[in-house]
Amino acid sequence: MKDSVKLRTLGWIVFCAIFTLFSVSCHRATEKTGEKMVEKAFENATGQKADIDISEEKTVIETGSGSVEVDSKANSWPDEIPDEIPEFTYGKISAVTTSNIDGIKAWNIVFEEVKDGFIDKYDAKLKEKGFETVTMKMGEKGGSITGENEKYTIFMMGGEGNLSFAVSLKKKE
C-alpha cells in the first residue's frame, strides 16, 4: 500500500511539473503569436519590416528606420535625456517611450498625479535654460507648453492630474 501511495504521489508531482511546463511554454507561444500578429499589422500599415518583442515590462519595436521602446513600468526621468532639458518634477512618471527613428532621438513620458500650477513653474525652468516657449493655460489645472532651442523641441500637455511630455532632438538640415 505504501508503494502505491508513493507511486500516486510521484505521478501527481510529474503531472503538475508537466502541466506547469506546458502552461509556461503555451503562454510564451501565445506571446510570440501576438508579437507576430502585431508585426504583421505594423508592416501592413507602414510598409516596413518590423521585429517586435513584447515582455511584461517593455515592448521594443525595431524597423529599418530605427527603434521604439515602451517601458510601462518606468518610474524615473530617463538618464539619456540631456541636461539641457530641465527635469519635470511636478508629477509621478508612469511610463516612458524612447525612440530613435532616422537618427532623431525622442522621449515621451507619461505623468500622473501632476500638481496644479505646473505650467508656470515649468515654463520658468525652460526659460532659465534658454528655451523660447509658447504656453496655453486652461485654469490652474491644465494646459500646454511648446519649447524650443537650437537643438531640442519640447511639447507637453496635461490637466486633471495627467500629463504627456515629449522631447525630441531637432533634425539636422
C-alpha atoms as a PDB file:
ATOM      1  CA  MET A   1       0.000   0.000   0.000  1.00  0.00           C
ATOM      2  CA  LYS A   2       2.826   2.395   0.809  1.00  0.00           C
ATOM      3  CA  ASP A   3       4.340   1.849  -2.627  1.00  0.00           C
ATOM      4  CA  SER A   4       1.064   2.676  -4.376  1.00  0.00           C
ATOM      5  CA  VAL A   5       0.715   5.913  -2.362  1.00  0.00           C
ATOM      6  CA  LYS A   6       4.297   6.847  -3.267  1.00  0.00           C
ATOM      7  CA  LEU A   7       3.654   5.995  -6.915  1.00  0.00           C
ATOM      8  CA  ARG A   8       0.424   8.031  -6.948  1.00  0.00           C
ATOM      9  CA  THR A   9       2.184  10.991  -5.254  1.00  0.00           C
ATOM     10  CA  LEU A  10       5.064  10.766  -7.723  1.00  0.00           C
ATOM     11  CA  GLY A  11       2.536  10.625 -10.560  1.00  0.00           C
ATOM     12  CA  TRP A  12       0.850  13.827  -9.320  1.00  0.00           C
ATOM     13  CA  ILE A  13       4.209  15.568  -8.980  1.00  0.00           C
ATOM     14  CA  VAL A  14       5.195  14.579 -12.522  1.00  0.00           C
ATOM     15  CA  PHE A  15       1.747  15.616 -13.811  1.00  0.00           C
ATOM     16  CA  CYS A  16       1.998  19.028 -12.083  1.00  0.00           C
ATOM     17  CA  ALA A  17       5.533  19.555 -13.411  1.00  0.00           C
ATOM     18  CA  ILE A  18       4.480  18.684 -16.968  1.00  0.00           C
ATOM     19  CA  PHE A  19       1.351  20.847 -16.695  1.00  0.00           C
ATOM     20  CA  THR A  20       3.405  23.793 -15.417  1.00  0.00           C
ATOM     21  CA  LEU A  21       5.981  23.437 -18.199  1.00  0.00           C
ATOM     22  CA  PHE A  22       3.191  23.108 -20.782  1.00  0.00           C
ATOM     23  CA  SER A  23       1.408  26.184 -19.424  1.00  0.00           C
ATOM     24  CA  VAL A  24       4.579  28.273 -19.436  1.00  0.00           C
ATOM     25  CA  SER A  25       5.501  27.208 -22.955  1.00  0.00           C
ATOM     26  CA  CYS A  26       1.957  27.860 -24.192  1.00  0.00           C
ATOM     27  CA  HIS A  27       1.984  31.299 -22.562  1.00  0.00           C
ATOM     28  CA  ARG A  28       5.285  32.118 -24.281  1.00  0.00           C
ATOM     29  CA  ALA A  29       3.958  30.686 -27.553  1.00  0.00           C
ATOM     30  CA  THR A  30       0.861  32.889 -27.189  1.00  0.00           C
ATOM     31  CA  GLU A  31       3.135  35.915 -26.602  1.00  0.00           C
ATOM     32  CA  LYS A  32       5.156  35.057 -29.712  1.00  0.00           C
ATOM     33  CA  THR A  33       1.957  34.633 -31.735  1.00  0.00           C
ATOM     34  CA  GLY A  34       0.776  38.034 -30.501  1.00  0.00           C
ATOM     35  CA  GLU A  35       4.123  39.565 -31.427  1.00  0.00           C
ATOM     36  CA  LYS A  36       3.905  38.101 -34.930  1.00  0.00           C
ATOM     37  CA  MET A  37       0.358  39.435 -35.363  1.00  0.00           C
ATOM     38  CA  VAL A  38       1.413  42.927 -34.249  1.00  0.00           C
ATOM     39  CA  GLU A  39       4.471  42.767 -36.529  1.00  0.00           C
ATOM     40  CA  LYS A  40       2.258  41.856 -39.493  1.00  0.00           C
ATOM     41  CA  ALA A  41      -0.214  44.663 -38.716  1.00  0.00           C
ATOM     42  CA  PHE A  42       2.672  47.148 -38.345  1.00  0.00           C
ATOM     43  CA  GLU A  43       4.231  46.011 -41.604  1.00  0.00           C
ATOM     44  CA  ASN A  44       0.909  46.270 -43.427  1.00  0.00           C
ATOM     45  CA  ALA A  45       0.282  49.761 -42.025  1.00  0.00           C
ATOM     46  CA  THR A  46       3.768  51.189 -42.638  1.00  0.00           C
ATOM     47  CA  GLY A  47       5.215  49.069 -45.418  1.00  0.00           C
ATOM     48  CA  GLN A  48       8.320  48.468 -43.275  1.00  0.00           C
ATOM     49  CA  LYS A  49       9.620  45.205 -41.883  1.00  0.00           C
ATOM     50  CA  ALA A  50       9.467  45.126 -38.097  1.00  0.00           C
ATOM     51  CA  ASP A  51      10.723  42.991 -35.254  1.00  0.00           C
ATOM     52  CA  ILE A  52       8.547  43.362 -32.159  1.00  0.00           C
ATOM     53  CA  ASP A  53       9.457  41.981 -28.754  1.00  0.00           C
ATOM     54  CA  ILE A  54       6.753  42.181 -26.093  1.00  0.00           C
ATOM     55  CA  SER A  55       7.510  41.409 -22.460  1.00  0.00           C
ATOM     56  CA  GLU A  56       5.706  42.203 -19.215  1.00  0.00           C
ATOM     57  CA  GLU A  57       7.697  45.401 -18.703  1.00  0.00           C
ATOM     58  CA  LYS A  58       8.804  46.574 -22.130  1.00  0.00           C
ATOM     59  CA  THR A  59       7.810  46.475 -25.755  1.00  0.00           C
ATOM     60  CA  VAL A  60      10.581  47.016 -28.306  1.00  0.00           C
ATOM     61  CA  ILE A  61       9.885  47.685 -31.984  1.00  0.00           C
ATOM     62  CA  GLU A  62      12.844  47.522 -34.386  1.00  0.00           C
ATOM     63  CA  THR A  63      12.488  48.639 -38.003  1.00  0.00           C
ATOM     64  CA  GLY A  64      14.820  49.667 -40.788  1.00  0.00           C
ATOM     65  CA  SER A  65      14.251  53.279 -39.707  1.00  0.00           C
ATOM     66  CA  GLY A  66      15.148  52.753 -36.063  1.00  0.00           C
ATOM     67  CA  SER A  67      13.665  51.585 -32.796  1.00  0.00           C
ATOM     68  CA  VAL A  68      10.960  52.386 -30.276  1.00  0.00           C
ATOM     69  CA  GLU A  69      10.960  51.103 -26.700  1.00  0.00           C
ATOM     70  CA  VAL A  70       7.901  51.430 -24.464  1.00  0.00           C
ATOM     71  CA  ASP A  71       8.591  50.891 -20.766  1.00  0.00           C
ATOM     72  CA  SER A  72       5.262  50.714 -18.952  1.00  0.00           C
ATOM     73  CA  LYS A  73       6.968  50.126 -15.599  1.00  0.00           C
ATOM     74  CA  ALA A  74       9.296  53.160 -15.762  1.00  0.00           C
ATOM     75  CA  ASN A  75       9.087  55.498 -12.796  1.00  0.00           C
ATOM     76  CA  SER A  76      12.070  57.824 -13.168  1.00  0.00           C
ATOM     77  CA  TRP A  77      13.327  60.524 -15.514  1.00  0.00           C
ATOM     78  CA  PRO A  78      15.407  58.862 -18.283  1.00  0.00           C
ATOM     79  CA  ASP A  79      19.157  59.282 -17.755  1.00  0.00           C
ATOM     80  CA  GLU A  80      19.662  59.676 -21.520  1.00  0.00           C
ATOM     81  CA  ILE A  81      17.734  62.955 -21.657  1.00  0.00           C
ATOM     82  CA  PRO A  82      20.384  65.693 -21.958  1.00  0.00           C
ATOM     83  CA  ASP A  83      20.967  68.030 -19.011  1.00  0.00           C
ATOM     84  CA  GLU A  84      19.871  70.930 -21.232  1.00  0.00           C
ATOM     85  CA  ILE A  85      16.305  69.703 -20.717  1.00  0.00           C
ATOM     86  CA  PRO A  86      15.082  70.604 -17.228  1.00  0.00           C
ATOM     87  CA  GLU A  87      13.567  67.638 -15.417  1.00  0.00           C
ATOM     88  CA  PHE A  88       9.804  67.833 -14.950  1.00  0.00           C
ATOM     89  CA  THR A  89       9.309  67.246 -11.215  1.00  0.00           C
ATOM     90  CA  TYR A  90       5.641  68.147 -10.757  1.00  0.00           C
ATOM     91  CA  GLY A  91       4.170  64.650 -11.093  1.00  0.00           C
ATOM     92  CA  LYS A  92       4.824  60.917 -10.939  1.00  0.00           C
ATOM     93  CA  ILE A  93       6.170  59.080 -14.019  1.00  0.00           C
ATOM     94  CA  SER A  94       4.063  56.100 -15.084  1.00  0.00           C
ATOM     95  CA  ALA A  95       5.588  55.188 -18.488  1.00  0.00           C
ATOM     96  CA  VAL A  96       8.453  56.162 -20.793  1.00  0.00           C
ATOM     97  CA  THR A  97       8.776  55.675 -24.543  1.00  0.00           C
ATOM     98  CA  THR A  98      12.206  56.129 -26.108  1.00  0.00           C
ATOM     99  CA  SER A  99      12.603  56.245 -29.873  1.00  0.00           C
ATOM    100  CA  ASN A 100      15.407  56.659 -32.342  1.00  0.00           C
ATOM    101  CA  ILE A 101      13.916  56.978 -35.809  1.00  0.00           C
ATOM    102  CA  ASP A 102      16.039  58.092 -38.751  1.00  0.00           C
ATOM    103  CA  GLY A 103      18.666  59.355 -36.329  1.00  0.00           C
ATOM    104  CA  ILE A 104      16.251  61.526 -34.344  1.00  0.00           C
ATOM    105  CA  LYS A 105      16.199  60.623 -30.664  1.00  0.00           C
ATOM    106  CA  ALA A 106      12.959  61.327 -28.764  1.00  0.00           C
ATOM    107  CA  TRP A 107      11.351  60.585 -25.412  1.00  0.00           C
ATOM    108  CA  ASN A 108       7.680  60.555 -24.459  1.00  0.00           C
ATOM    109  CA  ILE A 109       6.918  60.447 -20.761  1.00  0.00           C
ATOM    110  CA  VAL A 110       3.507  59.919 -19.196  1.00  0.00           C
ATOM    111  CA  PHE A 111       2.909  61.522 -15.798  1.00  0.00           C
ATOM    112  CA  GLU A 112       0.137  61.115 -13.266  1.00  0.00           C
ATOM    113  CA  GLU A 113      -0.600  62.954 -10.020  1.00  0.00           C
ATOM    114  CA  VAL A 114       0.545  66.205 -11.683  1.00  0.00           C
ATOM    115  CA  LYS A 115       0.408  69.194  -9.342  1.00  0.00           C
ATOM    116  CA  ASP A 116      -1.675  72.270 -10.133  1.00  0.00           C
ATOM    117  CA  GLY A 117       0.269  75.274 -11.421  1.00  0.00           C
ATOM    118  CA  PHE A 118       2.784  73.152 -13.350  1.00  0.00           C
ATOM    119  CA  ILE A 119       2.569  75.366 -16.458  1.00  0.00           C
ATOM    120  CA  ASP A 120       4.066  78.491 -14.868  1.00  0.00           C
ATOM    121  CA  LYS A 121       6.640  76.541 -12.865  1.00  0.00           C
ATOM    122  CA  TYR A 122       7.983  74.503 -15.771  1.00  0.00           C
ATOM    123  CA  ASP A 123       7.799  77.439 -18.195  1.00  0.00           C
ATOM    124  CA  ALA A 124      10.166  79.347 -15.867  1.00  0.00           C
ATOM    125  CA  LYS A 125      12.581  76.357 -15.796  1.00  0.00           C
ATOM    126  CA  LEU A 126      12.610  76.194 -19.606  1.00  0.00           C
ATOM    127  CA  LYS A 127      13.283  79.914 -19.952  1.00  0.00           C
ATOM    128  CA  GLU A 128      16.186  79.624 -17.467  1.00  0.00           C
ATOM    129  CA  LYS A 129      17.720  77.046 -19.821  1.00  0.00           C
ATOM    130  CA  GLY A 130      17.311  79.355 -22.843  1.00  0.00           C
ATOM    131  CA  PHE A 131      14.180  77.870 -24.411  1.00  0.00           C
ATOM    132  CA  GLU A 132      11.653  80.011 -26.230  1.00  0.00           C
ATOM    133  CA  THR A 133       8.197  78.936 -25.102  1.00  0.00           C
ATOM    134  CA  VAL A 134       4.554  79.248 -26.012  1.00  0.00           C
ATOM    135  CA  THR A 135       2.101  78.407 -23.250  1.00  0.00           C
ATOM    136  CA  MET A 136      -1.614  77.863 -23.221  1.00  0.00           C
ATOM    137  CA  LYS A 137      -3.312  77.618 -19.842  1.00  0.00           C
ATOM    138  CA  MET A 138      -6.678  76.173 -19.018  1.00  0.00           C
ATOM    139  CA  GLY A 139      -7.171  77.469 -15.489  1.00  0.00           C
ATOM    140  CA  GLU A 140      -4.654  76.344 -12.869  1.00  0.00           C
ATOM    141  CA  LYS A 141      -5.153  72.651 -13.591  1.00  0.00           C
ATOM    142  CA  GLY A 142      -4.052  72.264 -17.184  1.00  0.00           C
ATOM    143  CA  GLY A 143      -2.667  73.481 -20.429  1.00  0.00           C
ATOM    144  CA  SER A 144       0.311  73.032 -22.703  1.00  0.00           C
ATOM    145  CA  ILE A 145       3.823  74.286 -23.332  1.00  0.00           C
ATOM    146  CA  THR A 146       5.824  74.172 -26.527  1.00  0.00           C
ATOM    147  CA  GLY A 147       9.507  74.947 -26.022  1.00  0.00           C
ATOM    148  CA  GLU A 148      12.381  75.168 -28.486  1.00  0.00           C
ATOM    149  CA  ASN A 149      16.072  75.925 -28.565  1.00  0.00           C
ATOM    150  CA  GLU A 150      18.690  75.279 -31.262  1.00  0.00           C
ATOM    151  CA  LYS A 151      18.798  71.520 -30.576  1.00  0.00           C
ATOM    152  CA  TYR A 152      15.557  70.407 -28.943  1.00  0.00           C
ATOM    153  CA  THR A 153      11.799  70.674 -29.141  1.00  0.00           C
ATOM    154  CA  ILE A 154       9.641  70.045 -26.089  1.00  0.00           C
ATOM    155  CA  PHE A 155       5.883  69.651 -26.040  1.00  0.00           C
ATOM    156  CA  MET A 156       3.788  68.900 -23.014  1.00  0.00           C
ATOM    157  CA  MET A 157       0.078  68.903 -22.414  1.00  0.00           C
ATOM    158  CA  GLY A 158      -1.934  67.928 -19.409  1.00  0.00           C
ATOM    159  CA  GLY A 159      -4.674  68.545 -16.953  1.00  0.00           C
ATOM    160  CA  GLU A 160      -6.699  66.967 -14.175  1.00  0.00           C
ATOM    161  CA  GLY A 161      -3.589  65.283 -12.783  1.00  0.00           C
ATOM    162  CA  ASN A 162      -2.298  63.700 -16.020  1.00  0.00           C
ATOM    163  CA  LEU A 163       0.361  64.902 -18.438  1.00  0.00           C
ATOM    164  CA  SER A 164       2.084  63.812 -21.629  1.00  0.00           C
ATOM    165  CA  PHE A 165       5.623  65.152 -22.077  1.00  0.00           C
ATOM    166  CA  ALA A 166       7.651  64.848 -25.302  1.00  0.00           C
ATOM    167  CA  VAL A 167      11.282  65.788 -26.011  1.00  0.00           C
ATOM    168  CA  SER A 168      12.922  65.396 -29.399  1.00  0.00           C
ATOM    169  CA  LEU A 169      16.224  66.268 -30.948  1.00  0.00           C
ATOM    170  CA  LYS A 170      15.733  68.571 -33.945  1.00  0.00           C
ATOM    171  CA  LYS A 171      16.646  67.069 -37.279  1.00  0.00           C
ATOM    172  CA  LYS A 172      19.902  68.466 -38.645  1.00  0.00           C
ATOM    173  CA  GLU A 173      19.460  70.066 -42.034  1.00  0.00           C
END
